[in-house]
């Protein structure tokens, strides 16, 4: 995931960029897993929750707006 972001955006220098994106994936995956456990599928509500927690986590490391690479 980190490599995909780095291909398209100028990311700030972070000492643990790969870990940050790994944790981002794991955090959002927990929301999907909970939805499947509780509802036997990924519900729209849990998809929205996964987006919310993922954005919030990344926002603690990344600026609100990233410049695209040209």
C-alpha atoms as a PDB file:
ATOM      1  CA  UNK A   1       0.000   0.000   0.000  1.00  0.00           C
ATOM      2  CA  UNK A   2       2.822   2.368   0.850  1.00  0.00           C
ATOM      3  CA  UNK A   3       4.403   1.867  -2.564  1.00  0.00           C
ATOM      4  CA  UNK A   4       1.091   2.652  -4.316  1.00  0.00           C
ATOM      5  CA  UNK A   5       0.740   5.922  -2.396  1.00  0.00           C
ATOM      6  CA  UNK A   6       4.378   6.796  -3.111  1.00  0.00           C
ATOM      7  CA  UNK A   7       3.829   6.265  -6.849  1.00  0.00           C
ATOM      8  CA  UNK A   8       1.015   8.810  -6.947  1.00  0.00           C
ATOM      9  CA  UNK A   9       1.686  11.299  -4.137  1.00  0.00           C
ATOM     10  CA  UNK A  10       4.566  13.229  -2.592  1.00  0.00           C
ATOM     11  CA  UNK A  11       4.596  11.796   0.911  1.00  0.00           C
ATOM     12  CA  UNK A  12       6.334  13.540   3.799  1.00  0.00           C
ATOM     13  CA  UNK A  13       9.454  11.920   5.166  1.00  0.00           C
ATOM     14  CA  UNK A  14       8.392   9.599   7.961  1.00  0.00           C
ATOM     15  CA  UNK A  15      10.755   7.211   9.725  1.00  0.00           C
ATOM     16  CA  UNK A  16       8.288   4.327   9.628  1.00  0.00           C
ATOM     17  CA  UNK A  17       6.189   4.906   6.512  1.00  0.00           C
ATOM     18  CA  UNK A  18       5.770   1.226   5.671  1.00  0.00           C
ATOM     19  CA  UNK A  19       4.610   0.433   9.200  1.00  0.00           C
ATOM     20  CA  UNK A  20       2.095   3.277   9.100  1.00  0.00           C
ATOM     21  CA  UNK A  21       0.486   1.949   5.939  1.00  0.00           C
ATOM     22  CA  UNK A  22       0.591  -1.620   7.244  1.00  0.00           C
ATOM     23  CA  UNK A  23      -1.261  -0.546  10.399  1.00  0.00           C
ATOM     24  CA  UNK A  24      -3.732   1.416   8.263  1.00  0.00           C
ATOM     25  CA  UNK A  25      -4.604  -1.776   6.369  1.00  0.00           C
ATOM     26  CA  UNK A  26      -4.880  -3.799   9.569  1.00  0.00           C
ATOM     27  CA  UNK A  27      -7.103  -1.232  11.293  1.00  0.00           C
ATOM     28  CA  UNK A  28      -9.526  -1.032   8.391  1.00  0.00           C
ATOM     29  CA  UNK A  29      -9.505  -4.823   8.035  1.00  0.00           C
ATOM     30  CA  UNK A  30     -10.624  -5.172  11.660  1.00  0.00           C
ATOM     31  CA  UNK A  31     -13.777  -3.211  10.804  1.00  0.00           C
ATOM     32  CA  UNK A  32     -14.491  -5.524   7.873  1.00  0.00           C
ATOM     33  CA  UNK A  33     -13.878  -8.585  10.029  1.00  0.00           C
ATOM     34  CA  UNK A  34     -16.246  -7.335  12.735  1.00  0.00           C
ATOM     35  CA  UNK A  35     -18.918  -6.707  10.130  1.00  0.00           C
ATOM     36  CA  UNK A  36     -18.612 -10.243   8.767  1.00  0.00           C
ATOM     37  CA  UNK A  37     -18.711 -11.707  12.290  1.00  0.00           C
ATOM     38  CA  UNK A  38     -21.789  -9.684  13.243  1.00  0.00           C
ATOM     39  CA  UNK A  39     -23.690  -9.574   9.925  1.00  0.00           C
ATOM     40  CA  UNK A  40     -22.141 -12.285   7.720  1.00  0.00           C
ATOM     41  CA  UNK A  41     -21.209  -9.575   5.240  1.00  0.00           C
ATOM     42  CA  UNK A  42     -19.555  -6.179   5.029  1.00  0.00           C
ATOM     43  CA  UNK A  43     -22.359  -3.707   5.583  1.00  0.00           C
ATOM     44  CA  UNK A  44     -22.435  -0.172   4.220  1.00  0.00           C
ATOM     45  CA  UNK A  45     -22.265   1.122   7.784  1.00  0.00           C
ATOM     46  CA  UNK A  46     -19.089  -0.823   8.547  1.00  0.00           C
ATOM     47  CA  UNK A  47     -17.564   0.198   5.225  1.00  0.00           C
ATOM     48  CA  UNK A  48     -18.129   3.803   6.291  1.00  0.00           C
ATOM     49  CA  UNK A  49     -16.626   3.066   9.716  1.00  0.00           C
ATOM     50  CA  UNK A  50     -13.568   1.490   8.077  1.00  0.00           C
ATOM     51  CA  UNK A  51     -13.124   4.620   5.973  1.00  0.00           C
ATOM     52  CA  UNK A  52     -13.533   6.816   9.045  1.00  0.00           C
ATOM     53  CA  UNK A  53     -10.955   4.993  11.160  1.00  0.00           C
ATOM     54  CA  UNK A  54      -8.543   4.669   8.234  1.00  0.00           C
ATOM     55  CA  UNK A  55      -8.711   8.366   7.403  1.00  0.00           C
ATOM     56  CA  UNK A  56      -8.374   9.338  11.053  1.00  0.00           C
ATOM     57  CA  UNK A  57      -5.321   7.154  11.518  1.00  0.00           C
ATOM     58  CA  UNK A  58      -3.582   8.428   8.380  1.00  0.00           C
ATOM     59  CA  UNK A  59      -4.502  12.020   9.267  1.00  0.00           C
ATOM     60  CA  UNK A  60      -2.341  11.736  12.357  1.00  0.00           C
ATOM     61  CA  UNK A  61       0.694  11.254  10.071  1.00  0.00           C
ATOM     62  CA  UNK A  62      -0.143  12.873   6.743  1.00  0.00           C
ATOM     63  CA  UNK A  63      -1.172  16.411   5.839  1.00  0.00           C
ATOM     64  CA  UNK A  64      -4.802  17.016   4.969  1.00  0.00           C
ATOM     65  CA  UNK A  65      -3.919  17.384   1.305  1.00  0.00           C
ATOM     66  CA  UNK A  66      -1.142  15.532  -0.536  1.00  0.00           C
ATOM     67  CA  UNK A  67       0.421  16.847  -3.729  1.00  0.00           C
ATOM     68  CA  UNK A  68       0.168  14.492  -6.698  1.00  0.00           C
ATOM     69  CA  UNK A  69       3.350  13.486  -8.446  1.00  0.00           C
ATOM     70  CA  UNK A  70       3.685  14.780 -11.981  1.00  0.00           C
END
